[in-house]
Amino acid sequence: MNIQEIMKILPHRYPFLLVDRIDELIPGKMAIGSKNVSINEPYFV
């Protein structure tokens, strides 16, 4: 699932959307995903 599909499901937006990709999803039970992090992220300041 890519970021556009994730944004259709989750109400969160930048900077609170802390997921970039969903690799595995069992609706209503679990999800496995990832977040690409760079040194420019505001929480590293």
PDB file of N, CA and C in Angstrom:
ATOM      1  N   MET A   1       0.861  -1.163   0.000  1.00  0.00           N
ATOM      2  CA  MET A   1       0.000   0.000   0.000  1.00  0.00           C
ATOM      3  C   MET A   1       0.911   1.231   0.000  1.00  0.00           C
ATOM      4  N   ASN A   2       0.674   2.134  -0.921  1.00  0.00           N
ATOM      5  CA  ASN A   2       1.515   3.332  -1.008  1.00  0.00           C
ATOM      6  C   ASN A   2       0.902   4.491  -0.207  1.00  0.00           C
ATOM      7  N   ILE A   3       1.591   5.612  -0.203  1.00  0.00           N
ATOM      8  CA  ILE A   3       1.183   6.748   0.629  1.00  0.00           C
ATOM      9  C   ILE A   3      -0.191   7.297   0.232  1.00  0.00           C
ATOM     10  N   GLN A   4      -0.518   7.294  -1.052  1.00  0.00           N
ATOM     11  CA  GLN A   4      -1.829   7.786  -1.478  1.00  0.00           C
ATOM     12  C   GLN A   4      -2.950   6.899  -0.946  1.00  0.00           C
ATOM     13  N   GLU A   5      -2.744   5.594  -0.958  1.00  0.00           N
ATOM     14  CA  GLU A   5      -3.744   4.665  -0.432  1.00  0.00           C
ATOM     15  C   GLU A   5      -3.857   4.789   1.089  1.00  0.00           C
ATOM     16  N   ILE A   6      -2.731   4.984   1.751  1.00  0.00           N
ATOM     17  CA  ILE A   6      -2.733   5.153   3.211  1.00  0.00           C
ATOM     18  C   ILE A   6      -3.507   6.406   3.596  1.00  0.00           C
ATOM     19  N   MET A   7      -3.313   7.495   2.859  1.00  0.00           N
ATOM     20  CA  MET A   7      -3.986   8.762   3.172  1.00  0.00           C
ATOM     21  C   MET A   7      -5.496   8.694   2.949  1.00  0.00           C
ATOM     22  N   LYS A   8      -5.967   7.737   2.151  1.00  0.00           N
ATOM     23  CA  LYS A   8      -7.410   7.530   1.989  1.00  0.00           C
ATOM     24  C   LYS A   8      -8.012   6.888   3.237  1.00  0.00           C
ATOM     25  N   ILE A   9      -7.189   6.151   3.986  1.00  0.00           N
ATOM     26  CA  ILE A   9      -7.662   5.419   5.163  1.00  0.00           C
ATOM     27  C   ILE A   9      -7.444   6.206   6.448  1.00  0.00           C
ATOM     28  N   LEU A  10      -6.251   6.791   6.613  1.00  0.00           N
ATOM     29  CA  LEU A  10      -5.905   7.499   7.848  1.00  0.00           C
ATOM     30  C   LEU A  10      -6.215   8.990   7.741  1.00  0.00           C
ATOM     31  N   PRO A  11      -6.724   9.595   8.800  1.00  0.00           N
ATOM     32  CA  PRO A  11      -6.998  11.029   8.773  1.00  0.00           C
ATOM     33  C   PRO A  11      -5.750  11.881   9.012  1.00  0.00           C
ATOM     34  N   HIS A  12      -4.652  11.264   9.416  1.00  0.00           N
ATOM     35  CA  HIS A  12      -3.434  12.002   9.772  1.00  0.00           C
ATOM     36  C   HIS A  12      -2.754  12.559   8.529  1.00  0.00           C
ATOM     37  N   ARG A  13      -2.112  13.714   8.691  1.00  0.00           N
ATOM     38  CA  ARG A  13      -1.335  14.347   7.620  1.00  0.00           C
ATOM     39  C   ARG A  13      -0.007  14.808   8.194  1.00  0.00           C
ATOM     40  N   TYR A  14       0.905  15.204   7.321  1.00  0.00           N
ATOM     41  CA  TYR A  14       2.211  15.666   7.755  1.00  0.00           C
ATOM     42  C   TYR A  14       2.048  16.792   8.774  1.00  0.00           C
ATOM     43  N   PRO A  15       2.778  16.810   9.832  1.00  0.00           N
ATOM     44  CA  PRO A  15       3.894  15.947  10.224  1.00  0.00           C
ATOM     45  C   PRO A  15       3.477  14.774  11.102  1.00  0.00           C
ATOM     46  N   PHE A  16       2.190  14.506  11.230  1.00  0.00           N
ATOM     47  CA  PHE A  16       1.717  13.443  12.118  1.00  0.00           C
ATOM     48  C   PHE A  16       1.462  12.124  11.407  1.00  0.00           C
ATOM     49  N   LEU A  17       1.557  12.093  10.104  1.00  0.00           N
ATOM     50  CA  LEU A  17       1.416  10.846   9.357  1.00  0.00           C
ATOM     51  C   LEU A  17       2.766  10.141   9.388  1.00  0.00           C
ATOM     52  N   LEU A  18       2.944   9.256  10.340  1.00  0.00           N
ATOM     53  CA  LEU A  18       4.250   8.641  10.586  1.00  0.00           C
ATOM     54  C   LEU A  18       4.358   7.254   9.954  1.00  0.00           C
ATOM     55  N   VAL A  19       3.810   7.103   8.767  1.00  0.00           N
ATOM     56  CA  VAL A  19       3.936   5.859   8.005  1.00  0.00           C
ATOM     57  C   VAL A  19       4.014   6.230   6.525  1.00  0.00           C
ATOM     58  N   ASP A  20       4.926   5.599   5.803  1.00  0.00           N
ATOM     59  CA  ASP A  20       5.086   5.855   4.370  1.00  0.00           C
ATOM     60  C   ASP A  20       4.634   4.689   3.503  1.00  0.00           C
ATOM     61  N   ARG A  21       4.637   3.495   4.080  1.00  0.00           N
ATOM     62  CA  ARG A  21       4.291   2.318   3.290  1.00  0.00           C
ATOM     63  C   ARG A  21       3.734   1.245   4.219  1.00  0.00           C
ATOM     64  N   ILE A  22       2.716   0.527   3.752  1.00  0.00           N
ATOM     65  CA  ILE A  22       2.183  -0.632   4.466  1.00  0.00           C
ATOM     66  C   ILE A  22       2.568  -1.865   3.663  1.00  0.00           C
ATOM     67  N   ASP A  23       3.281  -2.786   4.307  1.00  0.00           N
ATOM     68  CA  ASP A  23       3.732  -4.004   3.646  1.00  0.00           C
ATOM     69  C   ASP A  23       2.768  -5.166   3.842  1.00  0.00           C
ATOM     70  N   GLU A  24       2.124  -5.203   4.981  1.00  0.00           N
ATOM     71  CA  GLU A  24       1.188  -6.282   5.282  1.00  0.00           C
ATOM     72  C   GLU A  24       0.024  -5.694   6.066  1.00  0.00           C
ATOM     73  N   LEU A  25      -1.202  -6.103   5.708  1.00  0.00           N
ATOM     74  CA  LEU A  25      -2.391  -5.559   6.364  1.00  0.00           C
ATOM     75  C   LEU A  25      -3.438  -6.641   6.528  1.00  0.00           C
ATOM     76  N   ILE A  26      -3.902  -6.804   7.744  1.00  0.00           N
ATOM     77  CA  ILE A  26      -5.077  -7.618   8.038  1.00  0.00           C
ATOM     78  C   ILE A  26      -6.071  -6.642   8.655  1.00  0.00           C
ATOM     79  N   PRO A  27      -7.064  -6.182   7.855  1.00  0.00           N
ATOM     80  CA  PRO A  27      -7.978  -5.134   8.317  1.00  0.00           C
ATOM     81  C   PRO A  27      -8.610  -5.452   9.675  1.00  0.00           C
ATOM     82  N   GLY A  28      -8.561  -4.465  10.551  1.00  0.00           N
ATOM     83  CA  GLY A  28      -9.130  -4.604  11.880  1.00  0.00           C
ATOM     84  C   GLY A  28      -8.275  -5.378  12.862  1.00  0.00           C
ATOM     85  N   LYS A  29      -7.121  -5.909  12.390  1.00  0.00           N
ATOM     86  CA  LYS A  29      -6.286  -6.720  13.279  1.00  0.00           C
ATOM     87  C   LYS A  29      -4.864  -6.196  13.397  1.00  0.00           C
ATOM     88  N   MET A  30      -4.166  -6.017  12.261  1.00  0.00           N
ATOM     89  CA  MET A  30      -2.768  -5.608  12.334  1.00  0.00           C
ATOM     90  C   MET A  30      -2.287  -5.046  11.014  1.00  0.00           C
ATOM     91  N   ALA A  31      -1.179  -4.302  11.112  1.00  0.00           N
ATOM     92  CA  ALA A  31      -0.517  -3.777   9.916  1.00  0.00           C
ATOM     93  C   ALA A  31       0.983  -3.734  10.183  1.00  0.00           C
ATOM     94  N   ILE A  32       1.751  -3.978   9.138  1.00  0.00           N
ATOM     95  CA  ILE A  32       3.202  -3.844   9.200  1.00  0.00           C
ATOM     96  C   ILE A  32       3.589  -2.834   8.136  1.00  0.00           C
ATOM     97  N   GLY A  33       4.294  -1.799   8.547  1.00  0.00           N
ATOM     98  CA  GLY A  33       4.661  -0.744   7.613  1.00  0.00           C
ATOM     99  C   GLY A  33       6.004  -0.143   7.940  1.00  0.00           C
ATOM    100  N   SER A  34       6.340   0.919   7.212  1.00  0.00           N
ATOM    101  CA  SER A  34       7.625   1.579   7.436  1.00  0.00           C
ATOM    102  C   SER A  34       7.488   3.081   7.258  1.00  0.00           C
ATOM    103  N   LYS A  35       8.430   3.793   7.855  1.00  0.00           N
ATOM    104  CA  LYS A  35       8.526   5.246   7.753  1.00  0.00           C
ATOM    105  C   LYS A  35       9.950   5.575   7.347  1.00  0.00           C
ATOM    106  N   ASN A  36      10.114   6.292   6.248  1.00  0.00           N
ATOM    107  CA  ASN A  36      11.432   6.757   5.825  1.00  0.00           C
ATOM    108  C   ASN A  36      11.769   8.007   6.621  1.00  0.00           C
ATOM    109  N   VAL A  37      12.886   7.980   7.319  1.00  0.00           N
ATOM    110  CA  VAL A  37      13.284   9.079   8.196  1.00  0.00           C
ATOM    111  C   VAL A  37      14.577   9.699   7.687  1.00  0.00           C
ATOM    112  N   SER A  38      14.604  11.030   7.659  1.00  0.00           N
ATOM    113  CA  SER A  38      15.833  11.743   7.290  1.00  0.00           C
ATOM    114  C   SER A  38      16.228  12.673   8.433  1.00  0.00           C
ATOM    115  N   ILE A  39      17.430  13.155   8.394  1.00  0.00           N
ATOM    116  CA  ILE A  39      17.935  14.060   9.428  1.00  0.00           C
ATOM    117  C   ILE A  39      17.171  15.387   9.431  1.00  0.00           C
ATOM    118  N   ASN A  40      16.454  15.702   8.361  1.00  0.00           N
ATOM    119  CA  ASN A  40      15.702  16.952   8.255  1.00  0.00           C
ATOM    120  C   ASN A  40      14.328  16.898   8.912  1.00  0.00           C
ATOM    121  N   GLU A  41      13.950  15.756   9.464  1.00  0.00           N
ATOM    122  CA  GLU A  41      12.653  15.643  10.125  1.00  0.00           C
ATOM    123  C   GLU A  41      12.618  16.591  11.325  1.00  0.00           C
ATOM    124  N   PRO A  42      11.471  17.272  11.555  1.00  0.00           N
ATOM    125  CA  PRO A  42      11.399  18.276  12.620  1.00  0.00           C
ATOM    126  C   PRO A  42      11.671  17.727  14.017  1.00  0.00           C
ATOM    127  N   TYR A  43      11.422  16.450  14.269  1.00  0.00           N
ATOM    128  CA  TYR A  43      11.640  15.920  15.611  1.00  0.00           C
ATOM    129  C   TYR A  43      13.108  15.639  15.896  1.00  0.00           C
ATOM    130  N   PHE A  44      14.013  15.830  14.922  1.00  0.00           N
ATOM    131  CA  PHE A  44      15.445  15.697  15.159  1.00  0.00           C
ATOM    132  C   PHE A  44      16.119  17.038  15.430  1.00  0.00           C
ATOM    133  N   VAL A  45      15.358  18.108  15.355  1.00  0.00           N
ATOM    134  CA  VAL A  45      15.944  19.444  15.549  1.00  0.00           C
ATOM    135  C   VAL A  45      16.302  19.667  16.997  1.00  0.00           C
TER     136      VAL A  45
END
